[in-house]
Amino acid sequence: MGRPISRQDRQDPRRPGFRAGRAAPLSAVGLVLAGLFFLAALTPSLLPRDPVMQGVLAGVLATIGHEIGVACAWLWRFLGLPVPARRGRLLAAGAAVAVSAVGYGLSRAADWQDATRRMMGLDPVDAVYPLTIAGTGLAVALGLFVLARLFGVATRRAGRVLGRVVPPRVGLVIGVAVVGWLFWAVIDGVVLRRVLDLADASFAAADALMDPDTPAPADPNRTGSAASLVAWDEMGRWGRSYVTRTPGADEIAAFAGPDAMAPLRVYVGRRAAATPEDRAEIALAELIRQGGFDRAALVVTVPVGTGWMDPGAHDTLDFMLGGDVATVSVQYSYLTSVLSLWVAPEAGIAQARALFDAVYDHWTTLPRDARPKLYVHGLSQGAFNTQIALPLLDILADPIDGAMWAGSPFLSPLWQHVRDNRRPDSPEWRPRFGNGSLVRVANQQGGLDRFNAEWGPMRLVFLHYGTDAIVSFTFDSGLRRPGWMAPPRAFDVAPEFRWFPVVTMFQLALDMAISLQVPGYGHFYIAPDYIDAWAAVVEPEGWTPDRAAELKAIFAARPAPF
């Protein structure tokens, strides 16, 4: 009878008792990394966070830190390197370091939150709620720790089964791949798919709700009226809201003068037709019916995922141009922009392309001296969709007059090109591209007049805030410091915001999720900044800084868009 397999045998890959798939449930290195990741998670980022969000982020990162340590310890043993003795003492030392790091982070959390809030003119936090942060973080970390251990158990068992027919280490690798695929298949194919289906059904039901206090327009020149080609009940709640709250001629006249007109707004809901092309044709026909091509300016705009249209972007342009403007838009989804990009990004792109092509093709048939100036606009996913759909190289013979994009998601191709090919003397958060005759980028502090060259025949303006993680996120921010963190930084990014491996990427991901909480920062774009961006694109007659200030004062007195 052979001698029993000792613990030393199992830890030495040169001995027959070695278990290649075995990983210790706790690691001293993992505990240290868990504490440091927890600490780093509480440091400043782009936007302020409430205690629960801080706790969730810290718990997630603490678990990731620990699992990185466990993986490093396993790899150390796998390579046959010397294993330190007295593991219990190492674990105790690691735990002590982790507790110290967590305690220090909790003691500084309020100061770090105030560093971010100070950049936005917000009041300091009243309390940091360390127990809330610690309790939430611990609960999240324990839940993820259990999931990680279950994954490890499944991986080891799969490796042992496969090890009967292939070498043990090959079986382990295959087992990790198989179990990882099964875990993801369950999450993506069952859990996430079910959640997304429920979200789609919920958003679709909300979109279809009819407000009894908002009847269809009586004016035949309004979308959704009895004379309209678009049925009121097919426009969706955001389409109905957008058309209903169109500024009146009298309201605009108080700023633009007695010749002000009522703007034209064409909006086609997703229910109006089955395909993007059919919806675009309905929009074009309705635009022609209302006389949209007789206006001085025509804007092809793509909404965010739910179909919402930002009043700050559209009302300001209506006032600026005295109402002599028509806007046309088509809904392509019921989901939020994030979910829409995740589930079916091609739907928004296809709708943006179909709408632009339909309007542009008709516009080019009109005499050049008797047609409106043509512009493109998009916010968030609308910016992403239009940047992909806009065929810049195909319209050079008869170019549009310009485009204004706000909050372009980091995946937007044209924004990526402008940022990555900027002039070396400009920062990544407000790049200068070429001589400025085609493209300019602005934030709350302007930036549109930093060029000696005059505008060319087409003007493309990006409006981006330095604290908008949806614009500035990169997947490699977990491995290297993003360029926009280098000095000089945007005025609203706290100097205390430091880069940490892995941690910063998750901080930015959370900043994207909470990006609409502070007006004028993050992804919450506001009317005064739209005004300056639009003025650069359309160049209204007689526009002056005093006129801009007057219009900004008008919109400062109006209610927030949401």
Protein backbone atom coordinates (compact mmCIF):
# COMPACT_ATOMS: atom_id res chain seq x y z
CA MET A 1 0.00 0.00 0.00
CA GLY A 2 1.55 3.33 -1.13
CA ARG A 3 2.13 6.22 1.17
CA PRO A 4 -0.66 8.83 1.30
CA ILE A 5 -0.35 11.91 -0.89
CA SER A 6 0.90 14.77 1.26
CA ARG A 7 0.04 18.44 1.00
CA GLN A 8 3.59 19.05 -0.22
CA ASP A 9 3.03 16.55 -3.05
CA ARG A 10 -0.06 18.40 -4.16
CA GLN A 11 1.82 21.69 -4.24
CA ASP A 12 4.82 20.33 -6.18
CA PRO A 13 4.12 19.84 -9.91
CA ARG A 14 7.14 17.51 -10.15
CA ARG A 15 5.41 14.92 -7.95
CA PRO A 16 2.60 12.58 -9.07
CA GLY A 17 0.15 13.86 -6.50
CA PHE A 18 0.12 17.40 -7.88
CA ARG A 19 -3.39 18.69 -8.64
CA ALA A 20 -2.99 21.18 -11.45
CA GLY A 21 -6.45 22.64 -11.06
CA ARG A 22 -6.37 23.24 -7.33
CA ALA A 23 -6.38 26.87 -6.22
CA ALA A 24 -6.45 28.02 -2.63
CA PRO A 25 -9.74 29.75 -1.67
CA LEU A 26 -7.78 32.60 -0.10
CA SER A 27 -4.49 34.14 -1.07
CA ALA A 28 -2.28 36.52 0.89
CA VAL A 29 -1.45 38.38 -2.30
CA GLY A 30 -5.15 38.35 -3.18
CA LEU A 31 -6.12 39.85 0.17
CA VAL A 32 -3.58 42.65 -0.26
CA LEU A 33 -4.83 43.37 -3.79
CA ALA A 34 -8.44 43.23 -2.60
CA GLY A 35 -7.75 45.89 0.02
CA LEU A 36 -5.81 48.08 -2.40
CA PHE A 37 -8.49 47.79 -5.09
CA PHE A 38 -11.16 48.65 -2.51
CA LEU A 39 -9.14 51.70 -1.51
CA ALA A 40 -8.55 52.81 -5.11
CA ALA A 41 -12.24 52.42 -5.93
CA LEU A 42 -13.09 55.19 -3.45
CA THR A 43 -10.72 57.73 -5.01
CA PRO A 44 -12.13 60.51 -7.24
CA SER A 45 -13.32 59.81 -10.76
CA LEU A 46 -15.23 61.95 -13.26
CA LEU A 47 -18.56 62.15 -11.41
CA PRO A 48 -19.70 62.09 -7.75
CA ARG A 49 -21.07 58.81 -6.43
CA ASP A 50 -23.53 58.02 -3.67
CA PRO A 51 -22.48 55.63 -0.85
CA VAL A 52 -24.30 52.61 -2.27
CA MET A 53 -22.70 53.02 -5.69
CA GLN A 54 -19.32 53.46 -4.01
CA GLY A 55 -19.88 50.26 -2.05
CA VAL A 56 -20.93 48.27 -5.11
CA LEU A 57 -17.90 49.44 -7.09
CA ALA A 58 -15.53 48.79 -4.19
CA GLY A 59 -16.97 45.30 -3.63
CA VAL A 60 -16.65 44.36 -7.30
CA LEU A 61 -13.07 45.62 -7.49
CA ALA A 62 -12.07 44.00 -4.20
CA THR A 63 -13.23 40.64 -5.58
CA ILE A 64 -11.37 41.20 -8.84
CA GLY A 65 -8.23 42.11 -6.92
CA HIS A 66 -8.47 38.99 -4.79
CA GLU A 67 -9.02 36.71 -7.78
CA ILE A 68 -6.02 38.23 -9.54
CA GLY A 69 -3.97 37.34 -6.46
CA VAL A 70 -5.38 33.81 -6.40
CA ALA A 71 -4.52 33.38 -10.07
CA CYS A 72 -0.97 34.65 -9.50
CA ALA A 73 -0.51 32.24 -6.57
CA TRP A 74 -1.83 29.34 -8.64
CA LEU A 75 0.49 30.22 -11.53
CA TRP A 76 3.42 30.39 -9.08
CA ARG A 77 2.74 26.84 -7.93
CA PHE A 78 1.97 25.66 -11.46
CA LEU A 79 5.44 26.79 -12.57
CA GLY A 80 7.03 24.83 -9.74
CA LEU A 81 8.45 27.82 -7.93
CA PRO A 82 9.18 27.55 -4.20
CA VAL A 83 6.07 27.77 -2.04
CA PRO A 84 6.52 29.87 1.13
CA ALA A 85 6.06 28.06 4.39
CA ARG A 86 3.73 29.19 7.20
CA ARG A 87 0.88 30.12 4.90
CA GLY A 88 -1.31 31.00 7.87
CA ARG A 89 1.00 33.81 8.91
CA LEU A 90 1.08 35.14 5.34
CA LEU A 91 -2.71 35.14 5.23
CA ALA A 92 -2.85 37.02 8.53
CA ALA A 93 -0.36 39.58 7.26
CA GLY A 94 -2.28 39.97 4.00
CA ALA A 95 -5.54 40.40 5.90
CA ALA A 96 -3.96 43.07 8.10
CA VAL A 97 -2.77 45.01 5.05
CA ALA A 98 -6.22 44.70 3.46
CA VAL A 99 -8.04 45.93 6.55
CA SER A 100 -5.64 48.87 6.85
CA ALA A 101 -6.18 49.81 3.21
CA VAL A 102 -9.96 49.58 3.54
CA GLY A 103 -9.92 51.65 6.73
CA TYR A 104 -7.79 54.34 5.13
CA GLY A 105 -10.04 54.43 2.07
CA LEU A 106 -13.16 54.83 4.18
CA SER A 107 -11.54 57.64 6.18
CA ARG A 108 -10.69 59.54 2.99
CA ALA A 109 -13.86 58.80 1.02
CA ALA A 110 -15.57 62.09 1.92
CA ASP A 111 -12.54 64.18 0.93
CA TRP A 112 -12.26 62.36 -2.37
CA GLN A 113 -15.95 62.84 -3.13
CA ASP A 114 -15.64 66.53 -2.34
CA ALA A 115 -12.71 66.82 -4.75
CA THR A 116 -15.03 65.76 -7.58
CA ARG A 117 -17.99 67.79 -6.36
CA ARG A 118 -15.86 70.92 -6.01
CA MET A 119 -15.09 70.86 -9.76
CA MET A 120 -18.84 71.03 -10.46
CA GLY A 121 -19.74 73.68 -7.91
CA LEU A 122 -21.64 71.19 -5.74
CA ASP A 123 -21.88 71.41 -1.96
CA PRO A 124 -19.59 69.14 0.07
CA VAL A 125 -21.05 65.86 1.25
CA ASP A 126 -22.66 65.98 4.67
CA ALA A 127 -21.39 62.54 5.62
CA VAL A 128 -19.48 59.74 3.95
CA TYR A 129 -21.58 56.87 5.38
CA PRO A 130 -18.61 54.52 5.87
CA LEU A 131 -20.83 51.76 7.24
CA THR A 132 -23.02 51.90 4.13
CA ILE A 133 -20.01 51.73 1.84
CA ALA A 134 -18.35 48.96 3.85
CA GLY A 135 -21.55 46.92 4.26
CA THR A 136 -22.52 47.18 0.59
CA GLY A 137 -18.99 46.41 -0.51
CA LEU A 138 -18.75 43.37 1.77
CA ALA A 139 -22.09 41.97 0.58
CA VAL A 140 -21.15 42.38 -3.06
CA ALA A 141 -17.68 40.93 -2.53
CA LEU A 142 -19.04 37.87 -0.68
CA GLY A 143 -21.58 37.19 -3.41
CA LEU A 144 -18.96 37.40 -6.14
CA PHE A 145 -16.52 35.35 -4.04
CA VAL A 146 -19.04 32.51 -3.84
CA LEU A 147 -19.60 32.65 -7.61
CA ALA A 148 -15.84 32.52 -8.19
CA ARG A 149 -15.50 29.48 -5.92
CA LEU A 150 -18.35 27.72 -7.74
CA PHE A 151 -16.60 28.43 -11.02
CA GLY A 152 -13.39 26.97 -9.57
CA VAL A 153 -15.15 23.81 -8.37
CA ALA A 154 -16.78 23.30 -11.75
CA THR A 155 -13.47 23.88 -13.53
CA ARG A 156 -11.60 21.36 -11.37
CA ARG A 157 -14.23 18.69 -11.81
CA ALA A 158 -14.30 19.20 -15.56
CA GLY A 159 -10.50 19.06 -15.62
CA ARG A 160 -10.45 15.76 -13.69
CA VAL A 161 -12.94 14.16 -16.05
CA LEU A 162 -11.04 15.32 -19.11
CA GLY A 163 -7.74 14.34 -17.45
CA ARG A 164 -8.70 10.69 -17.85
CA VAL A 165 -8.34 10.93 -21.62
CA VAL A 166 -5.83 13.78 -22.07
CA PRO A 167 -2.85 15.01 -20.02
CA PRO A 168 -4.03 16.66 -16.77
CA ARG A 169 -2.88 20.14 -17.67
CA VAL A 170 -4.47 19.93 -21.11
CA GLY A 171 -7.65 18.73 -19.42
CA LEU A 172 -7.50 21.69 -17.05
CA VAL A 173 -7.18 24.19 -19.91
CA ILE A 174 -10.04 22.60 -21.81
CA GLY A 175 -12.11 22.48 -18.60
CA VAL A 176 -11.60 26.19 -17.98
CA ALA A 177 -12.66 26.96 -21.55
CA VAL A 178 -15.72 24.70 -21.41
CA VAL A 179 -16.93 25.88 -18.00
CA GLY A 180 -16.27 29.50 -18.93
CA TRP A 181 -18.32 29.07 -22.09
CA LEU A 182 -21.15 27.38 -20.16
CA PHE A 183 -21.20 30.14 -17.54
CA TRP A 184 -21.35 32.80 -20.24
CA ALA A 185 -23.96 30.84 -22.22
CA VAL A 186 -26.20 30.70 -19.15
CA ILE A 187 -25.68 34.39 -18.35
CA ASP A 188 -25.94 35.69 -21.90
CA GLY A 189 -28.39 33.19 -23.33
CA VAL A 190 -30.73 32.85 -20.36
CA VAL A 191 -30.30 35.53 -17.72
CA LEU A 192 -29.34 38.54 -19.83
CA ARG A 193 -31.57 37.57 -22.72
CA ARG A 194 -34.54 37.22 -20.39
CA VAL A 195 -33.75 40.54 -18.73
CA LEU A 196 -33.38 42.26 -22.10
CA ASP A 197 -36.62 40.75 -23.39
CA LEU A 198 -38.44 42.00 -20.30
CA ALA A 199 -36.80 45.42 -20.68
CA ASP A 200 -37.82 45.61 -24.33
CA ALA A 201 -41.39 44.66 -23.52
CA SER A 202 -41.50 47.14 -20.64
CA PHE A 203 -40.08 50.03 -22.67
CA ALA A 204 -42.37 49.19 -25.59
CA ALA A 205 -45.41 49.24 -23.31
CA ALA A 206 -44.33 52.56 -21.80
CA ASP A 207 -43.75 53.98 -25.27
CA ALA A 208 -47.29 53.05 -26.31
CA LEU A 209 -48.99 54.69 -23.33
CA MET A 210 -51.30 57.51 -24.36
CA ASP A 211 -51.60 60.55 -22.11
CA PRO A 212 -55.32 61.48 -22.04
CA ASP A 213 -54.35 65.09 -21.30
CA THR A 214 -52.35 65.33 -24.55
CA PRO A 215 -54.75 65.11 -27.50
CA ALA A 216 -53.64 64.93 -31.11
CA PRO A 217 -52.79 68.34 -32.62
CA ALA A 218 -55.61 70.22 -34.31
CA ASP A 219 -53.21 72.16 -36.53
CA PRO A 220 -52.96 70.30 -39.87
CA ASN A 221 -49.30 71.38 -40.11
CA ARG A 222 -48.40 69.29 -37.08
CA THR A 223 -47.30 65.66 -37.20
CA GLY A 224 -50.00 63.42 -35.75
CA SER A 225 -52.92 65.66 -36.74
CA ALA A 226 -55.91 64.39 -38.70
CA ALA A 227 -54.23 65.62 -41.91
CA SER A 228 -50.87 64.06 -41.07
CA LEU A 229 -49.45 60.96 -42.76
CA VAL A 230 -48.31 59.80 -39.31
CA ALA A 231 -50.89 58.45 -36.87
CA TRP A 232 -50.83 60.05 -33.41
CA ASP A 233 -50.93 56.70 -31.62
CA GLU A 234 -47.97 55.39 -33.67
CA MET A 235 -45.57 58.20 -32.74
CA GLY A 236 -44.56 56.89 -29.32
CA ARG A 237 -44.63 58.90 -26.12
CA TRP A 238 -41.41 60.80 -26.84
CA GLY A 239 -42.49 61.63 -30.37
CA ARG A 240 -45.81 62.96 -29.11
CA SER A 241 -44.01 64.94 -26.41
CA TYR A 242 -41.54 66.37 -28.92
CA VAL A 243 -44.24 67.58 -31.29
CA THR A 244 -46.59 68.82 -28.56
CA ARG A 245 -43.99 71.03 -26.91
CA THR A 246 -42.90 72.76 -30.12
CA PRO A 247 -42.28 76.46 -29.26
CA GLY A 248 -44.97 78.72 -30.68
CA ALA A 249 -44.38 81.68 -32.97
CA ASP A 250 -45.40 84.14 -30.24
CA GLU A 251 -42.93 82.62 -27.78
CA ILE A 252 -40.09 82.78 -30.30
CA ALA A 253 -41.06 86.30 -31.40
CA ALA A 254 -40.19 87.64 -27.94
CA PHE A 255 -36.58 86.87 -28.82
CA ALA A 256 -36.42 86.81 -32.63
CA GLY A 257 -38.85 89.57 -33.52
CA PRO A 258 -42.32 89.86 -35.09
CA ASP A 259 -41.41 87.81 -38.17
CA ALA A 260 -40.93 84.65 -36.11
CA MET A 261 -42.57 81.47 -37.37
CA ALA A 262 -43.74 78.27 -35.74
CA PRO A 263 -41.09 75.58 -36.33
CA LEU A 264 -41.98 72.39 -38.21
CA ARG A 265 -41.31 69.07 -36.50
CA VAL A 266 -41.74 65.74 -38.25
CA TYR A 267 -41.44 62.62 -36.13
CA VAL A 268 -42.18 59.05 -37.19
CA GLY A 269 -42.52 56.39 -34.49
CA ARG A 270 -41.17 52.86 -34.74
CA ARG A 271 -44.70 51.46 -35.02
CA ALA A 272 -45.45 53.45 -38.16
CA ALA A 273 -43.88 50.84 -40.49
CA ALA A 274 -41.97 47.58 -40.35
CA THR A 275 -38.70 48.60 -42.01
CA PRO A 276 -36.30 51.54 -41.68
CA GLU A 277 -36.75 52.40 -45.35
CA ASP A 278 -40.54 52.52 -45.08
CA ARG A 279 -40.37 54.72 -41.98
CA ALA A 280 -37.93 57.03 -43.75
CA GLU A 281 -40.24 57.35 -46.76
CA ILE A 282 -43.15 58.25 -44.48
CA ALA A 283 -40.98 60.89 -42.82
CA LEU A 284 -39.97 62.36 -46.18
CA ALA A 285 -43.57 62.46 -47.42
CA GLU A 286 -44.72 64.15 -44.20
CA LEU A 287 -41.86 66.62 -44.43
CA ILE A 288 -42.88 67.54 -47.97
CA ARG A 289 -46.54 67.78 -46.95
CA GLN A 290 -45.72 70.26 -44.19
CA GLY A 291 -43.47 72.36 -46.43
CA GLY A 292 -40.25 71.48 -44.65
CA PHE A 293 -38.16 72.08 -47.77
CA ASP A 294 -39.46 75.66 -47.93
CA ARG A 295 -37.84 76.58 -44.62
CA ALA A 296 -34.46 78.29 -44.30
CA ALA A 297 -32.94 75.36 -42.42
CA LEU A 298 -33.68 71.63 -42.37
CA VAL A 299 -32.25 69.35 -39.69
CA VAL A 300 -32.07 65.57 -40.03
CA THR A 301 -31.74 64.34 -36.47
CA VAL A 302 -31.56 60.90 -34.91
CA PRO A 303 -32.92 60.49 -31.35
CA VAL A 304 -31.39 58.52 -28.50
CA GLY A 305 -32.37 54.88 -28.08
CA THR A 306 -35.78 55.44 -26.51
CA GLY A 307 -36.73 58.01 -29.13
CA TRP A 308 -36.29 60.97 -26.78
CA MET A 309 -35.37 64.33 -28.31
CA ASP A 310 -33.47 66.80 -26.13
CA PRO A 311 -35.36 70.13 -25.94
CA GLY A 312 -32.09 71.87 -25.12
CA ALA A 313 -30.80 70.99 -28.58
CA HIS A 314 -33.92 71.65 -30.65
CA ASP A 315 -35.71 74.50 -28.91
CA THR A 316 -32.53 76.58 -28.88
CA LEU A 317 -32.12 76.24 -32.64
CA ASP A 318 -35.78 77.13 -33.19
CA PHE A 319 -35.31 80.36 -31.24
CA MET A 320 -31.97 81.13 -32.86
CA LEU A 321 -33.42 80.90 -36.39
CA GLY A 322 -36.71 82.61 -35.59
CA GLY A 323 -38.64 79.39 -36.09
CA ASP A 324 -37.68 79.21 -39.78
CA VAL A 325 -36.51 75.61 -39.38
CA ALA A 326 -37.86 72.11 -39.98
CA THR A 327 -36.65 69.05 -38.11
CA VAL A 328 -37.24 65.44 -39.16
CA SER A 329 -36.57 62.37 -37.04
CA VAL A 330 -37.47 58.67 -36.91
CA GLN A 331 -37.55 56.37 -33.88
CA TYR A 332 -35.65 53.07 -34.18
CA SER A 333 -35.85 51.53 -30.68
CA TYR A 334 -37.73 51.50 -27.38
CA LEU A 335 -34.66 50.74 -25.25
CA THR A 336 -32.22 53.15 -23.67
CA SER A 337 -29.13 53.99 -25.71
CA VAL A 338 -26.89 51.62 -23.74
CA LEU A 339 -29.27 48.67 -24.12
CA SER A 340 -30.01 49.54 -27.73
CA LEU A 341 -26.31 49.60 -28.61
CA TRP A 342 -25.86 46.30 -26.80
CA VAL A 343 -28.85 44.44 -28.24
CA ALA A 344 -29.18 45.72 -31.81
CA PRO A 345 -26.78 48.53 -32.76
CA GLU A 346 -27.46 47.90 -36.43
CA ALA A 347 -31.09 49.04 -36.05
CA GLY A 348 -30.13 52.63 -35.25
CA ILE A 349 -27.48 52.75 -37.97
CA ALA A 350 -29.89 51.38 -40.59
CA GLN A 351 -32.56 53.91 -39.62
CA ALA A 352 -30.13 56.84 -39.63
CA ARG A 353 -28.82 55.85 -43.05
CA ALA A 354 -32.29 55.36 -44.53
CA LEU A 355 -33.56 58.70 -43.20
CA PHE A 356 -30.53 60.70 -44.33
CA ASP A 357 -30.49 59.10 -47.78
CA ALA A 358 -34.21 59.76 -48.33
CA VAL A 359 -33.99 63.42 -47.30
CA TYR A 360 -30.65 64.10 -48.99
CA ASP A 361 -31.72 62.52 -52.29
CA HIS A 362 -34.80 64.75 -52.43
CA TRP A 363 -32.85 67.82 -51.30
CA THR A 364 -30.33 67.43 -54.12
CA THR A 365 -33.13 67.56 -56.72
CA LEU A 366 -34.09 71.07 -55.62
CA PRO A 367 -32.52 74.25 -57.07
CA ARG A 368 -29.54 75.26 -54.93
CA ASP A 369 -30.83 78.81 -54.54
CA ALA A 370 -34.31 77.64 -53.50
CA ARG A 371 -33.68 74.91 -50.95
CA PRO A 372 -33.01 75.00 -47.21
CA LYS A 373 -29.61 74.65 -45.66
CA LEU A 374 -29.27 71.03 -44.60
CA TYR A 375 -27.84 69.97 -41.24
CA VAL A 376 -27.42 66.72 -39.31
CA HIS A 377 -27.70 66.37 -35.54
CA GLY A 378 -27.41 63.59 -33.00
CA LEU A 379 -27.03 63.26 -29.24
CA SER A 380 -25.39 60.21 -27.66
CA GLN A 381 -26.43 57.15 -29.67
CA GLY A 382 -27.94 59.52 -32.23
CA ALA A 383 -24.44 60.95 -32.73
CA PHE A 384 -22.99 57.46 -33.06
CA ASN A 385 -25.59 56.42 -35.63
CA THR A 386 -25.33 59.54 -37.78
CA GLN A 387 -21.53 59.52 -37.82
CA ILE A 388 -21.60 56.00 -39.25
CA ALA A 389 -24.49 56.72 -41.63
CA LEU A 390 -23.26 60.07 -42.99
CA PRO A 391 -21.53 59.32 -46.34
CA LEU A 392 -19.03 62.18 -46.21
CA LEU A 393 -17.05 61.09 -49.26
CA ASP A 394 -20.19 60.63 -51.36
CA ILE A 395 -21.66 64.10 -50.72
CA LEU A 396 -18.62 66.25 -51.50
CA ALA A 397 -20.03 67.22 -54.89
CA ASP A 398 -23.11 68.61 -53.17
CA PRO A 399 -22.27 68.83 -49.47
CA ILE A 400 -24.64 69.40 -46.62
CA ASP A 401 -24.10 72.61 -44.67
CA GLY A 402 -23.01 71.05 -41.42
CA ALA A 403 -23.57 68.79 -38.43
CA MET A 404 -23.63 69.22 -34.68
CA TRP A 405 -22.99 66.18 -32.50
CA ALA A 406 -23.21 66.12 -28.71
CA GLY A 407 -21.87 63.42 -26.42
CA SER A 408 -20.53 61.15 -29.16
CA PRO A 409 -20.01 57.68 -27.62
CA PHE A 410 -16.39 56.57 -27.53
CA LEU A 411 -17.04 54.04 -30.33
CA SER A 412 -18.17 56.75 -32.77
CA PRO A 413 -15.85 56.41 -35.79
CA LEU A 414 -15.59 60.05 -36.83
CA TRP A 415 -15.00 61.22 -33.27
CA GLN A 416 -12.28 58.57 -32.86
CA HIS A 417 -10.60 59.81 -36.05
CA VAL A 418 -10.67 63.43 -34.95
CA ARG A 419 -9.36 62.60 -31.46
CA ASP A 420 -6.62 60.23 -32.61
CA ASN A 421 -5.41 62.49 -35.44
CA ARG A 422 -5.55 65.77 -33.56
CA ARG A 423 -2.84 68.39 -33.66
CA PRO A 424 -0.05 67.55 -31.17
CA ASP A 425 -0.49 70.85 -29.33
CA SER A 426 -4.09 70.07 -28.36
CA PRO A 427 -5.44 67.86 -25.55
CA GLU A 428 -7.40 64.69 -26.20
CA TRP A 429 -10.50 66.05 -24.45
CA ARG A 430 -10.75 69.07 -26.81
CA PRO A 431 -8.69 68.23 -29.89
CA ARG A 432 -7.81 70.62 -32.68
CA PHE A 433 -8.16 68.88 -36.02
CA GLY A 434 -6.38 70.19 -39.08
CA ASN A 435 -6.79 73.90 -39.69
CA GLY A 436 -10.32 73.96 -38.26
CA SER A 437 -12.05 74.67 -41.57
CA LEU A 438 -14.07 71.43 -41.38
CA VAL A 439 -14.13 70.15 -37.78
CA ARG A 440 -14.08 71.90 -34.41
CA VAL A 441 -14.62 70.59 -30.89
CA ALA A 442 -16.11 72.51 -27.96
CA ASN A 443 -16.88 72.04 -24.29
CA GLN A 444 -18.53 74.30 -21.68
CA GLN A 445 -15.67 76.78 -22.04
CA GLY A 446 -15.93 77.04 -25.80
CA GLY A 447 -13.04 76.22 -28.09
CA LEU A 448 -14.71 76.91 -31.43
CA ASP A 449 -12.77 80.09 -32.16
CA ARG A 450 -9.24 78.74 -31.66
CA PHE A 451 -8.40 78.70 -35.39
CA ASN A 452 -7.10 81.25 -37.87
CA ALA A 453 -8.66 79.47 -40.85
CA GLU A 454 -12.20 80.33 -41.93
CA TRP A 455 -14.94 77.73 -42.05
CA GLY A 456 -15.27 75.79 -45.29
CA PRO A 457 -18.55 74.94 -47.06
CA MET A 458 -19.38 72.26 -44.46
CA ARG A 459 -19.11 72.74 -40.70
CA LEU A 460 -18.85 69.81 -38.30
CA VAL A 461 -19.00 70.63 -34.57
CA PHE A 462 -18.56 68.22 -31.66
CA LEU A 463 -19.87 69.26 -28.22
CA HIS A 464 -18.20 67.13 -25.55
CA TYR A 465 -17.77 67.57 -21.81
CA GLY A 466 -14.49 66.57 -20.19
CA THR A 467 -16.40 64.61 -17.52
CA ASP A 468 -18.43 62.58 -20.03
CA ALA A 469 -17.15 59.01 -19.67
CA ILE A 470 -19.43 57.91 -22.50
CA VAL A 471 -17.21 60.03 -24.76
CA SER A 472 -13.84 59.33 -23.16
CA PHE A 473 -14.03 55.67 -22.07
CA THR A 474 -11.53 53.24 -23.58
CA PHE A 475 -11.19 49.52 -22.92
CA ASP A 476 -7.44 49.82 -22.50
CA SER A 477 -7.88 52.32 -19.64
CA GLY A 478 -7.45 49.30 -17.35
CA LEU A 479 -3.92 48.82 -18.67
CA ARG A 480 -2.65 52.33 -19.37
CA ARG A 481 -3.51 55.89 -18.43
CA PRO A 482 -5.96 57.54 -20.87
CA GLY A 483 -4.54 60.47 -22.78
CA TRP A 484 -7.15 62.90 -21.44
CA MET A 485 -5.81 62.40 -17.91
CA ALA A 486 -2.49 63.96 -18.87
CA PRO A 487 -2.06 67.69 -18.20
CA PRO A 488 -3.57 70.00 -19.11
CA ARG A 489 -6.83 68.43 -18.03
CA ALA A 490 -10.35 69.63 -18.75
CA PHE A 491 -11.39 72.25 -16.21
CA ASP A 492 -14.03 69.98 -14.66
CA VAL A 493 -11.81 66.92 -14.08
CA ALA A 494 -10.43 66.84 -10.53
CA PRO A 495 -6.62 66.93 -10.25
CA GLU A 496 -6.95 64.28 -7.52
CA PHE A 497 -8.28 61.78 -10.09
CA ARG A 498 -5.45 59.25 -10.43
CA TRP A 499 -5.02 56.31 -12.76
CA PHE A 500 -4.90 52.79 -11.30
CA PRO A 501 -4.55 49.57 -13.30
CA VAL A 502 -7.89 47.79 -13.75
CA VAL A 503 -9.62 50.09 -11.24
CA THR A 504 -9.86 53.17 -13.47
CA MET A 505 -11.63 51.22 -16.21
CA PHE A 506 -14.35 50.18 -13.77
CA GLN A 507 -14.60 53.68 -12.34
CA LEU A 508 -15.23 55.03 -15.84
CA ALA A 509 -17.76 52.28 -16.52
CA LEU A 510 -19.71 53.38 -13.43
CA ASP A 511 -19.38 57.02 -14.52
CA MET A 512 -21.11 56.05 -17.76
CA ALA A 513 -23.97 54.45 -15.84
CA ILE A 514 -24.54 57.55 -13.66
CA SER A 515 -23.71 60.14 -16.33
CA LEU A 516 -27.03 62.04 -16.20
CA GLN A 517 -27.03 63.22 -12.59
CA VAL A 518 -25.35 66.67 -12.78
CA PRO A 519 -26.63 69.21 -15.37
CA GLY A 520 -23.81 70.63 -17.46
CA TYR A 521 -21.43 67.76 -16.65
CA GLY A 522 -21.06 64.12 -17.56
CA HIS A 523 -23.53 63.24 -20.30
CA PHE A 524 -26.10 65.86 -19.24
CA TYR A 525 -25.75 68.47 -22.01
CA ILE A 526 -27.54 71.75 -21.41
CA ALA A 527 -29.03 74.54 -23.53
CA PRO A 528 -26.34 77.24 -23.07
CA ASP A 529 -23.69 74.94 -24.52
CA TYR A 530 -25.98 73.84 -27.35
CA ILE A 531 -26.48 77.51 -28.20
CA ASP A 532 -22.79 78.17 -28.78
CA ALA A 533 -22.38 74.94 -30.76
CA TRP A 534 -25.38 75.61 -32.99
CA ALA A 535 -24.32 79.22 -33.56
CA ALA A 536 -20.98 78.02 -34.90
CA VAL A 537 -22.71 75.62 -37.30
CA VAL A 538 -25.60 77.73 -38.65
CA GLU A 539 -24.07 81.22 -38.15
CA PRO A 540 -27.33 83.14 -37.63
CA GLU A 541 -27.54 86.56 -39.23
CA GLY A 542 -26.55 89.35 -36.82
CA TRP A 543 -25.44 86.93 -34.12
CA THR A 544 -23.40 88.53 -31.35
CA PRO A 545 -22.23 87.58 -27.85
CA ASP A 546 -25.02 89.75 -26.47
CA ARG A 547 -27.62 87.84 -28.47
CA ALA A 548 -26.14 84.57 -27.25
CA ALA A 549 -26.28 85.77 -23.63
CA GLU A 550 -29.89 86.86 -24.08
CA LEU A 551 -30.92 83.45 -25.43
CA LYS A 552 -29.02 81.65 -22.69
CA ALA A 553 -30.89 83.69 -20.09
CA ILE A 554 -34.21 82.66 -21.65
CA PHE A 555 -33.32 78.98 -21.45
CA ALA A 556 -31.86 79.29 -17.96
CA ALA A 557 -35.38 80.21 -16.83
CA ARG A 558 -36.99 77.21 -18.54
CA PRO A 559 -37.48 73.88 -16.72
CA ALA A 560 -34.90 71.11 -17.06
CA PRO A 561 -35.56 68.67 -19.92
CA PHE A 562 -35.82 65.68 -17.53
